Amino acid sequence: MKNHFFLFAISILFFASCSHTYYAPNTVTTPHLMGKNNLEVKANAVFPVGQSSDFNAFEASATYSPIKYLAVQGNYFYGYASGDAGTNNGKIYDIAIGGYLPKNIIPTNLDPSKREELSLSGFVGTSFGNVYNTYDTIGKINSHLKFQKTYFTFSTSYLVQKFKLGFGLRINYLSYLNGSVTNGSIQSEEISKIVNIEEKSNFFYPEMSINLGLDFKKVYVTWGLTRAYFKDPSLYNFNNSNVYLSLGFNIHEFFKKNR
């Protein structure tokens, strides 16, 4: 990237009122798929922690298996912050396709009252989105960014009775595509972050997520942590971790006949 106006546009990638945050990870999904027509839908309240965490975020995601061993996945992430320095908001859309391997450790046909299952999955996907930010109280100074990310995800989900444990690993390649900005001033500290982003331009990095919760077949609740591993994230004011609370629904369970 050679245009500093473009860099200024990306410099507010994720929504801070006083100290601009340039990137924030969405959560790494860990679906628990066991067969054809399995459909999981969930919503996450996301709470950024650590560096550059002055924003709030929400997520919605779905994973569906049209045939056994094959699945598609989608995720929507929205973050927002406002304050005396202006308003900032951004969106990320994920779409992915992949496969999974289910294992009934205790077959339910032997004892329906007991459950012990393992689900391994892998997805290849792409992300795209935009960020719109204002830097004054009237919105005269603003910027707009478009970006894209490609990724590979591996996850495992283990369920025993009602207890659920998940782990996910995602490898990402993040690229800034284009953007626009109106003329305006920015603090020297922020300019240094912009220059660092310009020099780096594209980012290749891993993310990991771990979660645990309770599964009641039709409904489940989980708590989790996501961590992105950047080299020297302070150089870019990247947010690199969050905690989240999920409320999920196993839609296919609502249509099962009582045995």
C-alpha atoms as a PDB file:
ATOM      1  CA  MET A   1       0.000   0.000   0.000  1.00  0.00           C
ATOM      2  CA  LYS A   2       1.408   3.337  -1.008  1.00  0.00           C
ATOM      3  CA  ASN A   3      -1.416   5.693  -0.174  1.00  0.00           C
ATOM      4  CA  HIS A   4      -1.453   7.131   3.332  1.00  0.00           C
ATOM      5  CA  PHE A   5      -5.090   8.110   2.957  1.00  0.00           C
ATOM      6  CA  PHE A   6      -5.865   4.435   2.478  1.00  0.00           C
ATOM      7  CA  LEU A   7      -3.857   3.608   5.565  1.00  0.00           C
ATOM      8  CA  PHE A   8      -5.738   6.197   7.510  1.00  0.00           C
ATOM      9  CA  ALA A   9      -8.919   4.460   6.450  1.00  0.00           C
ATOM     10  CA  ILE A  10      -7.720   1.131   7.787  1.00  0.00           C
ATOM     11  CA  SER A  11      -6.215   2.636  10.880  1.00  0.00           C
ATOM     12  CA  ILE A  12      -9.553   2.577  12.635  1.00  0.00           C
ATOM     13  CA  LEU A  13     -10.297  -1.007  11.678  1.00  0.00           C
ATOM     14  CA  PHE A  14     -11.903  -1.705  14.990  1.00  0.00           C
ATOM     15  CA  PHE A  15     -13.708   1.010  16.645  1.00  0.00           C
ATOM     16  CA  ALA A  16     -12.221   2.825  19.603  1.00  0.00           C
ATOM     17  CA  SER A  17     -13.409   6.138  20.944  1.00  0.00           C
ATOM     18  CA  CYS A  18     -10.093   7.427  22.328  1.00  0.00           C
ATOM     19  CA  SER A  19      -7.378   5.050  21.185  1.00  0.00           C
ATOM     20  CA  HIS A  20      -8.020   3.587  17.737  1.00  0.00           C
ATOM     21  CA  THR A  21      -7.924  -0.182  17.380  1.00  0.00           C
ATOM     22  CA  TYR A  22      -6.780  -1.486  14.011  1.00  0.00           C
ATOM     23  CA  TYR A  23      -7.838  -5.115  14.211  1.00  0.00           C
ATOM     24  CA  ALA A  24      -9.888  -7.425  16.436  1.00  0.00           C
ATOM     25  CA  PRO A  25     -10.367 -11.191  16.035  1.00  0.00           C
ATOM     26  CA  ASN A  26     -13.765 -12.777  15.680  1.00  0.00           C
ATOM     27  CA  THR A  27     -14.265 -16.062  17.494  1.00  0.00           C
ATOM     28  CA  VAL A  28     -13.087 -19.433  16.171  1.00  0.00           C
ATOM     29  CA  THR A  29     -16.203 -21.576  15.759  1.00  0.00           C
ATOM     30  CA  THR A  30     -16.087 -25.146  17.132  1.00  0.00           C
ATOM     31  CA  PRO A  31     -19.184 -26.933  15.784  1.00  0.00           C
ATOM     32  CA  HIS A  32     -20.407 -30.252  17.149  1.00  0.00           C
ATOM     33  CA  LEU A  33     -21.694 -32.086  14.067  1.00  0.00           C
ATOM     34  CA  MET A  34     -22.729 -35.733  14.248  1.00  0.00           C
ATOM     35  CA  GLY A  35     -24.611 -36.389  11.007  1.00  0.00           C
ATOM     36  CA  LYS A  36     -26.628 -35.303   7.996  1.00  0.00           C
ATOM     37  CA  ASN A  37     -28.965 -32.312   8.449  1.00  0.00           C
ATOM     38  CA  ASN A  38     -27.318 -31.236  11.688  1.00  0.00           C
ATOM     39  CA  LEU A  39     -27.787 -27.485  12.036  1.00  0.00           C
ATOM     40  CA  GLU A  40     -26.254 -25.329  14.759  1.00  0.00           C
ATOM     41  CA  VAL A  41     -27.175 -21.667  15.208  1.00  0.00           C
ATOM     42  CA  LYS A  42     -25.680 -19.474  17.911  1.00  0.00           C
ATOM     43  CA  ALA A  43     -25.237 -15.897  19.070  1.00  0.00           C
ATOM     44  CA  ASN A  44     -22.189 -14.549  20.907  1.00  0.00           C
ATOM     45  CA  ALA A  45     -21.741 -11.557  23.158  1.00  0.00           C
ATOM     46  CA  VAL A  46     -18.062 -10.671  22.677  1.00  0.00           C
ATOM     47  CA  PHE A  47     -16.012  -8.844  25.314  1.00  0.00           C
ATOM     48  CA  PRO A  48     -12.564  -7.714  24.111  1.00  0.00           C
ATOM     49  CA  VAL A  49      -9.803  -7.835  26.726  1.00  0.00           C
ATOM     50  CA  GLY A  50      -6.238  -6.614  26.904  1.00  0.00           C
ATOM     51  CA  GLN A  51      -4.779  -4.160  24.445  1.00  0.00           C
ATOM     52  CA  SER A  52      -7.039  -1.966  22.266  1.00  0.00           C
ATOM     53  CA  SER A  53     -10.252  -3.316  23.740  1.00  0.00           C
ATOM     54  CA  ASP A  54     -12.405  -0.165  23.842  1.00  0.00           C
ATOM     55  CA  PHE A  55     -15.355  -1.546  21.881  1.00  0.00           C
ATOM     56  CA  ASN A  56     -18.287  -3.939  22.127  1.00  0.00           C
ATOM     57  CA  ALA A  57     -19.099  -6.722  19.691  1.00  0.00           C
ATOM     58  CA  PHE A  58     -21.799  -9.222  18.765  1.00  0.00           C
ATOM     59  CA  GLU A  59     -21.682 -12.354  16.607  1.00  0.00           C
ATOM     60  CA  ALA A  60     -24.152 -14.704  14.959  1.00  0.00           C
ATOM     61  CA  SER A  61     -23.149 -17.942  13.253  1.00  0.00           C
ATOM     62  CA  ALA A  62     -24.580 -21.092  11.708  1.00  0.00           C
ATOM     63  CA  THR A  63     -23.110 -24.439  10.660  1.00  0.00           C
ATOM     64  CA  TYR A  64     -25.076 -26.923   8.538  1.00  0.00           C
ATOM     65  CA  SER A  65     -24.370 -30.425   7.232  1.00  0.00           C
ATOM     66  CA  PRO A  66     -26.365 -31.115   4.010  1.00  0.00           C
ATOM     67  CA  ILE A  67     -24.799 -34.573   3.731  1.00  0.00           C
ATOM     68  CA  LYS A  68     -22.787 -36.618   6.186  1.00  0.00           C
ATOM     69  CA  TYR A  69     -19.136 -35.538   6.506  1.00  0.00           C
ATOM     70  CA  LEU A  70     -19.720 -32.277   4.576  1.00  0.00           C
ATOM     71  CA  ALA A  71     -20.653 -28.912   6.108  1.00  0.00           C
ATOM     72  CA  VAL A  72     -20.994 -25.222   5.314  1.00  0.00           C
ATOM     73  CA  GLN A  73     -20.535 -22.394   7.773  1.00  0.00           C
ATOM     74  CA  GLY A  74     -21.275 -18.692   8.049  1.00  0.00           C
ATOM     75  CA  ASN A  75     -20.448 -16.059  10.662  1.00  0.00           C
ATOM     76  CA  TYR A  76     -21.353 -12.394  11.135  1.00  0.00           C
ATOM     77  CA  PHE A  77     -19.369 -10.086  13.434  1.00  0.00           C
ATOM     78  CA  TYR A  78     -20.335  -6.527  14.353  1.00  0.00           C
ATOM     79  CA  GLY A  79     -18.382  -4.168  16.592  1.00  0.00           C
ATOM     80  CA  TYR A  80     -19.171  -0.659  17.753  1.00  0.00           C
ATOM     81  CA  ALA A  81     -17.783   2.157  19.886  1.00  0.00           C
ATOM     82  CA  SER A  82     -18.707   5.803  20.369  1.00  0.00           C
ATOM     83  CA  GLY A  83     -17.393   8.754  22.329  1.00  0.00           C
ATOM     84  CA  ASP A  84     -16.235  12.338  22.153  1.00  0.00           C
ATOM     85  CA  ALA A  85     -13.788  11.430  19.376  1.00  0.00           C
ATOM     86  CA  GLY A  86     -16.558  10.103  17.112  1.00  0.00           C
ATOM     87  CA  THR A  87     -18.296   6.838  16.300  1.00  0.00           C
ATOM     88  CA  ASN A  88     -16.787   3.700  14.835  1.00  0.00           C
ATOM     89  CA  ASN A  89     -18.365   0.512  13.564  1.00  0.00           C
ATOM     90  CA  GLY A  90     -17.281  -2.474  11.534  1.00  0.00           C
ATOM     91  CA  LYS A  91     -18.578  -5.742  10.144  1.00  0.00           C
ATOM     92  CA  ILE A  92     -17.011  -9.050   9.150  1.00  0.00           C
ATOM     93  CA  TYR A  93     -18.739 -11.783   7.148  1.00  0.00           C
ATOM     94  CA  ASP A  94     -17.270 -15.309   7.085  1.00  0.00           C
ATOM     95  CA  ILE A  95     -18.271 -18.065   4.675  1.00  0.00           C
ATOM     96  CA  ALA A  96     -16.616 -21.488   4.671  1.00  0.00           C
ATOM     97  CA  ILE A  97     -16.932 -25.060   3.467  1.00  0.00           C
ATOM     98  CA  GLY A  98     -15.410 -28.126   5.039  1.00  0.00           C
ATOM     99  CA  GLY A  99     -15.836 -31.569   6.475  1.00  0.00           C
ATOM    100  CA  TYR A 100     -16.164 -33.333   9.801  1.00  0.00           C
ATOM    101  CA  LEU A 101     -15.635 -36.725  11.435  1.00  0.00           C
ATOM    102  CA  PRO A 102     -18.160 -37.729  14.134  1.00  0.00           C
ATOM    103  CA  LYS A 103     -17.576 -40.412  16.756  1.00  0.00           C
ATOM    104  CA  ASN A 104     -20.162 -41.823  19.148  1.00  0.00           C
ATOM    105  CA  ILE A 105     -17.928 -43.006  21.969  1.00  0.00           C
ATOM    106  CA  ILE A 106     -20.994 -44.356  23.769  1.00  0.00           C
ATOM    107  CA  PRO A 107     -23.591 -45.316  21.096  1.00  0.00           C
ATOM    108  CA  THR A 108     -26.987 -43.897  22.052  1.00  0.00           C
ATOM    109  CA  ASN A 109     -28.745 -47.059  20.857  1.00  0.00           C
ATOM    110  CA  LEU A 110     -27.072 -48.935  23.729  1.00  0.00           C
ATOM    111  CA  ASP A 111     -28.017 -46.446  26.433  1.00  0.00           C
ATOM    112  CA  PRO A 112     -29.992 -43.335  25.343  1.00  0.00           C
ATOM    113  CA  SER A 113     -29.529 -41.768  28.779  1.00  0.00           C
ATOM    114  CA  LYS A 114     -25.758 -41.523  28.314  1.00  0.00           C
ATOM    115  CA  ARG A 115     -23.872 -39.385  25.814  1.00  0.00           C
ATOM    116  CA  GLU A 116     -20.202 -39.246  24.965  1.00  0.00           C
ATOM    117  CA  GLU A 117     -19.358 -37.839  21.546  1.00  0.00           C
ATOM    118  CA  LEU A 118     -16.416 -36.404  19.649  1.00  0.00           C
ATOM    119  CA  SER A 119     -16.624 -34.245  16.528  1.00  0.00           C
ATOM    120  CA  LEU A 120     -13.557 -33.183  14.505  1.00  0.00           C
ATOM    121  CA  SER A 121     -13.942 -30.614  11.735  1.00  0.00           C
ATOM    122  CA  GLY A 122     -11.930 -28.583   9.255  1.00  0.00           C
ATOM    123  CA  PHE A 123     -13.008 -25.611   7.118  1.00  0.00           C
ATOM    124  CA  VAL A 124     -11.544 -23.425   4.395  1.00  0.00           C
ATOM    125  CA  GLY A 125     -13.111 -19.999   4.197  1.00  0.00           C
ATOM    126  CA  THR A 126     -12.960 -16.360   3.288  1.00  0.00           C
ATOM    127  CA  SER A 127     -13.927 -13.220   5.169  1.00  0.00           C
ATOM    128  CA  PHE A 128     -14.905  -9.839   3.832  1.00  0.00           C
ATOM    129  CA  GLY A 129     -16.219  -6.693   5.423  1.00  0.00           C
ATOM    130  CA  ASN A 130     -16.092  -2.968   5.842  1.00  0.00           C
ATOM    131  CA  VAL A 131     -15.489  -0.406   8.542  1.00  0.00           C
ATOM    132  CA  TYR A 132     -16.935   3.094   8.718  1.00  0.00           C
ATOM    133  CA  ASN A 133     -15.578   5.593  11.233  1.00  0.00           C
ATOM    134  CA  THR A 134     -16.061   9.211  12.163  1.00  0.00           C
ATOM    135  CA  TYR A 135     -13.443  11.271  13.982  1.00  0.00           C
ATOM    136  CA  ASP A 136     -15.410  14.284  15.155  1.00  0.00           C
ATOM    137  CA  THR A 137     -18.742  14.912  16.810  1.00  0.00           C
ATOM    138  CA  ILE A 138     -20.504  15.826  13.559  1.00  0.00           C
ATOM    139  CA  GLY A 139     -19.047  13.098  11.341  1.00  0.00           C
ATOM    140  CA  LYS A 140     -17.337  15.453   8.893  1.00  0.00           C
ATOM    141  CA  ILE A 141     -14.025  13.622   9.220  1.00  0.00           C
ATOM    142  CA  ASN A 142     -14.643   9.995   8.329  1.00  0.00           C
ATOM    143  CA  SER A 143     -13.151   6.966   6.650  1.00  0.00           C
ATOM    144  CA  HIS A 144     -14.295   3.761   5.016  1.00  0.00           C
ATOM    145  CA  LEU A 145     -12.380   0.508   4.618  1.00  0.00           C
ATOM    146  CA  LYS A 146     -12.878  -2.730   2.705  1.00  0.00           C
ATOM    147  CA  PHE A 147     -10.835  -5.792   3.621  1.00  0.00           C
ATOM    148  CA  GLN A 148     -10.602  -9.535   3.003  1.00  0.00           C
ATOM    149  CA  LYS A 149      -9.228 -12.555   4.818  1.00  0.00           C
ATOM    150  CA  THR A 150      -8.696 -16.180   3.821  1.00  0.00           C
ATOM    151  CA  TYR A 151      -8.346 -18.867   6.479  1.00  0.00           C
ATOM    152  CA  PHE A 152      -8.215 -22.530   7.421  1.00  0.00           C
ATOM    153  CA  THR A 153      -9.846 -23.776  10.621  1.00  0.00           C
ATOM    154  CA  PHE A 154      -9.441 -27.032  12.530  1.00  0.00           C
ATOM    155  CA  SER A 155     -11.625 -27.701  15.556  1.00  0.00           C
ATOM    156  CA  THR A 156     -12.600 -30.435  17.954  1.00  0.00           C
ATOM    157  CA  SER A 157     -15.693 -30.650  20.140  1.00  0.00           C
ATOM    158  CA  TYR A 158     -16.057 -33.187  22.949  1.00  0.00           C
ATOM    159  CA  LEU A 159     -19.364 -33.847  24.696  1.00  0.00           C
ATOM    160  CA  VAL A 160     -19.970 -36.060  27.730  1.00  0.00           C
ATOM    161  CA  GLN A 161     -23.460 -36.056  29.186  1.00  0.00           C
ATOM    162  CA  LYS A 162     -24.243 -32.313  29.392  1.00  0.00           C
ATOM    163  CA  PHE A 163     -20.674 -31.049  29.560  1.00  0.00           C
ATOM    164  CA  LYS A 164     -19.126 -29.661  26.408  1.00  0.00           C
ATOM    165  CA  LEU A 165     -15.521 -28.719  25.610  1.00  0.00           C
ATOM    166  CA  GLY A 166     -14.272 -27.197  22.370  1.00  0.00           C
ATOM    167  CA  PHE A 167     -10.936 -26.184  20.870  1.00  0.00           C
ATOM    168  CA  GLY A 168     -10.297 -24.381  17.590  1.00  0.00           C
ATOM    169  CA  LEU A 169      -7.231 -23.324  15.599  1.00  0.00           C
ATOM    170  CA  ARG A 170      -7.446 -20.896  12.677  1.00  0.00           C
ATOM    171  CA  ILE A 171      -4.670 -19.858  10.280  1.00  0.00           C
ATOM    172  CA  ASN A 172      -5.368 -16.459   8.677  1.00  0.00           C
ATOM    173  CA  TYR A 173      -4.102 -14.296   5.838  1.00  0.00           C
ATOM    174  CA  LEU A 174      -5.523 -10.776   6.219  1.00  0.00           C
ATOM    175  CA  SER A 175      -5.274  -8.187   3.427  1.00  0.00           C
ATOM    176  CA  TYR A 176      -6.483  -4.606   3.202  1.00  0.00           C
ATOM    177  CA  LEU A 177      -8.036  -3.929  -0.204  1.00  0.00           C
ATOM    178  CA  ASN A 178      -9.047  -0.290  -0.552  1.00  0.00           C
ATOM    179  CA  GLY A 179     -10.490   2.589   1.373  1.00  0.00           C
ATOM    180  CA  SER A 180     -11.288   6.271   1.386  1.00  0.00           C
ATOM    181  CA  VAL A 181     -10.967   9.093   3.896  1.00  0.00           C
ATOM    182  CA  THR A 182     -11.912  12.750   4.126  1.00  0.00           C
ATOM    183  CA  ASN A 183      -9.228  15.308   4.935  1.00  0.00           C
ATOM    184  CA  GLY A 184      -8.580  15.672   8.647  1.00  0.00           C
ATOM    185  CA  SER A 185      -5.956  15.546  11.357  1.00  0.00           C
ATOM    186  CA  ILE A 186      -4.803  12.570  13.388  1.00  0.00           C
ATOM    187  CA  GLN A 187      -2.504  12.321  16.410  1.00  0.00           C
ATOM    188  CA  SER A 188       1.175  11.541  15.814  1.00  0.00           C
ATOM    189  CA  GLU A 189       0.916   8.381  17.912  1.00  0.00           C
ATOM    190  CA  GLU A 190      -1.817   7.113  15.630  1.00  0.00           C
ATOM    191  CA  ILE A 191       0.173   8.062  12.533  1.00  0.00           C
ATOM    192  CA  SER A 192       3.042   5.835  13.710  1.00  0.00           C
ATOM    193  CA  LYS A 193       0.633   2.887  13.902  1.00  0.00           C
ATOM    194  CA  ILE A 194      -0.616   3.677  10.405  1.00  0.00           C
ATOM    195  CA  VAL A 195       2.939   3.724   9.034  1.00  0.00           C
ATOM    196  CA  ASN A 196       3.653   0.362  10.662  1.00  0.00           C
ATOM    197  CA  ILE A 197       0.545  -1.114   9.076  1.00  0.00           C
ATOM    198  CA  GLU A 198       1.560   0.329   5.701  1.00  0.00           C
ATOM    199  CA  GLU A 199       4.966  -1.314   5.898  1.00  0.00           C
ATOM    200  CA  LYS A 200       3.446  -4.667   6.879  1.00  0.00           C
ATOM    201  CA  SER A 201       0.380  -4.436   4.603  1.00  0.00           C
ATOM    202  CA  ASN A 202      -0.631  -8.132   4.806  1.00  0.00           C
ATOM    203  CA  PHE A 203      -0.789 -10.224   7.968  1.00  0.00           C
ATOM    204  CA  PHE A 204      -0.325 -13.984   8.343  1.00  0.00           C
ATOM    205  CA  TYR A 205      -1.126 -15.215  11.841  1.00  0.00           C
ATOM    206  CA  PRO A 206      -2.784 -18.004  13.868  1.00  0.00           C
ATOM    207  CA  GLU A 207      -5.704 -17.780  16.271  1.00  0.00           C
ATOM    208  CA  MET A 208      -6.842 -20.231  18.926  1.00  0.00           C
ATOM    209  CA  SER A 209     -10.066 -20.577  20.858  1.00  0.00           C
ATOM    210  CA  ILE A 210     -11.139 -22.735  23.773  1.00  0.00           C
ATOM    211  CA  ASN A 211     -14.629 -22.972  25.218  1.00  0.00           C
ATOM    212  CA  LEU A 212     -16.609 -24.964  27.730  1.00  0.00           C
ATOM    213  CA  GLY A 213     -20.255 -25.139  28.611  1.00  0.00           C
ATOM    214  CA  LEU A 214     -23.449 -27.107  29.082  1.00  0.00           C
ATOM    215  CA  ASP A 215     -25.421 -28.842  26.332  1.00  0.00           C
ATOM    216  CA  PHE A 216     -29.109 -29.648  26.853  1.00  0.00           C
ATOM    217  CA  LYS A 217     -29.513 -31.240  23.378  1.00  0.00           C
ATOM    218  CA  LYS A 218     -31.756 -28.537  21.938  1.00  0.00           C
ATOM    219  CA  VAL A 219     -30.011 -25.612  23.618  1.00  0.00           C
ATOM    220  CA  TYR A 220     -26.454 -25.074  24.793  1.00  0.00           C
ATOM    221  CA  VAL A 221     -24.539 -22.341  26.604  1.00  0.00           C
ATOM    222  CA  THR A 222     -20.775 -21.909  26.398  1.00  0.00           C
ATOM    223  CA  TRP A 223     -18.109 -19.528  27.629  1.00  0.00           C
ATOM    224  CA  GLY A 224     -14.910 -19.130  25.665  1.00  0.00           C
ATOM    225  CA  LEU A 225     -11.661 -17.315  25.004  1.00  0.00           C
ATOM    226  CA  THR A 226     -10.162 -16.341  21.625  1.00  0.00           C
ATOM    227  CA  ARG A 227      -6.521 -15.379  21.205  1.00  0.00           C
ATOM    228  CA  ALA A 228      -4.809 -14.070  18.057  1.00  0.00           C
ATOM    229  CA  TYR A 229      -1.026 -14.430  17.914  1.00  0.00           C
ATOM    230  CA  PHE A 230       0.585 -11.414  16.287  1.00  0.00           C
ATOM    231  CA  LYS A 231       4.243 -10.490  16.494  1.00  0.00           C
ATOM    232  CA  ASP A 232       4.438  -7.197  18.424  1.00  0.00           C
ATOM    233  CA  PRO A 233       0.707  -6.317  18.235  1.00  0.00           C
ATOM    234  CA  SER A 234       1.406  -3.043  20.058  1.00  0.00           C
ATOM    235  CA  LEU A 235       3.104  -1.773  16.893  1.00  0.00           C
ATOM    236  CA  TYR A 236      -0.301  -1.752  15.208  1.00  0.00           C
ATOM    237  CA  ASN A 237      -2.704  -1.320  18.140  1.00  0.00           C
ATOM    238  CA  PHE A 238      -4.220  -4.701  17.358  1.00  0.00           C
ATOM    239  CA  ASN A 239      -6.668  -6.202  19.798  1.00  0.00           C
ATOM    240  CA  ASN A 240      -5.552  -9.811  20.145  1.00  0.00           C
ATOM    241  CA  SER A 241      -7.967 -11.471  22.564  1.00  0.00           C
ATOM    242  CA  ASN A 242     -11.556 -11.620  23.709  1.00  0.00           C
ATOM    243  CA  VAL A 243     -13.874 -13.615  25.899  1.00  0.00           C
ATOM    244  CA  TYR A 244     -17.359 -14.503  24.761  1.00  0.00           C
ATOM    245  CA  LEU A 245     -20.627 -15.962  25.987  1.00  0.00           C
ATOM    246  CA  SER A 246     -22.649 -18.082  23.545  1.00  0.00           C
ATOM    247  CA  LEU A 247     -26.263 -19.159  23.399  1.00  0.00           C
ATOM    248  CA  GLY A 248     -26.726 -21.887  20.806  1.00  0.00           C
ATOM    249  CA  PHE A 249     -29.491 -24.018  19.344  1.00  0.00           C
ATOM    250  CA  ASN A 250     -29.232 -27.483  17.810  1.00  0.00           C
ATOM    251  CA  ILE A 251     -32.072 -26.946  15.357  1.00  0.00           C
ATOM    252  CA  HIS A 252     -32.157 -30.577  14.212  1.00  0.00           C
ATOM    253  CA  GLU A 253     -32.966 -31.703  17.758  1.00  0.00           C
ATOM    254  CA  PHE A 254     -36.282 -29.817  17.631  1.00  0.00           C
ATOM    255  CA  PHE A 255     -37.458 -32.068  14.796  1.00  0.00           C
ATOM    256  CA  LYS A 256     -36.441 -35.430  16.235  1.00  0.00           C
ATOM    257  CA  LYS A 257     -39.253 -37.797  17.110  1.00  0.00           C
ATOM    258  CA  ASN A 258     -39.513 -38.907  20.730  1.00  0.00           C
ATOM    259  CA  ARG A 259     -38.343 -42.430  21.207  1.00  0.00           C
END
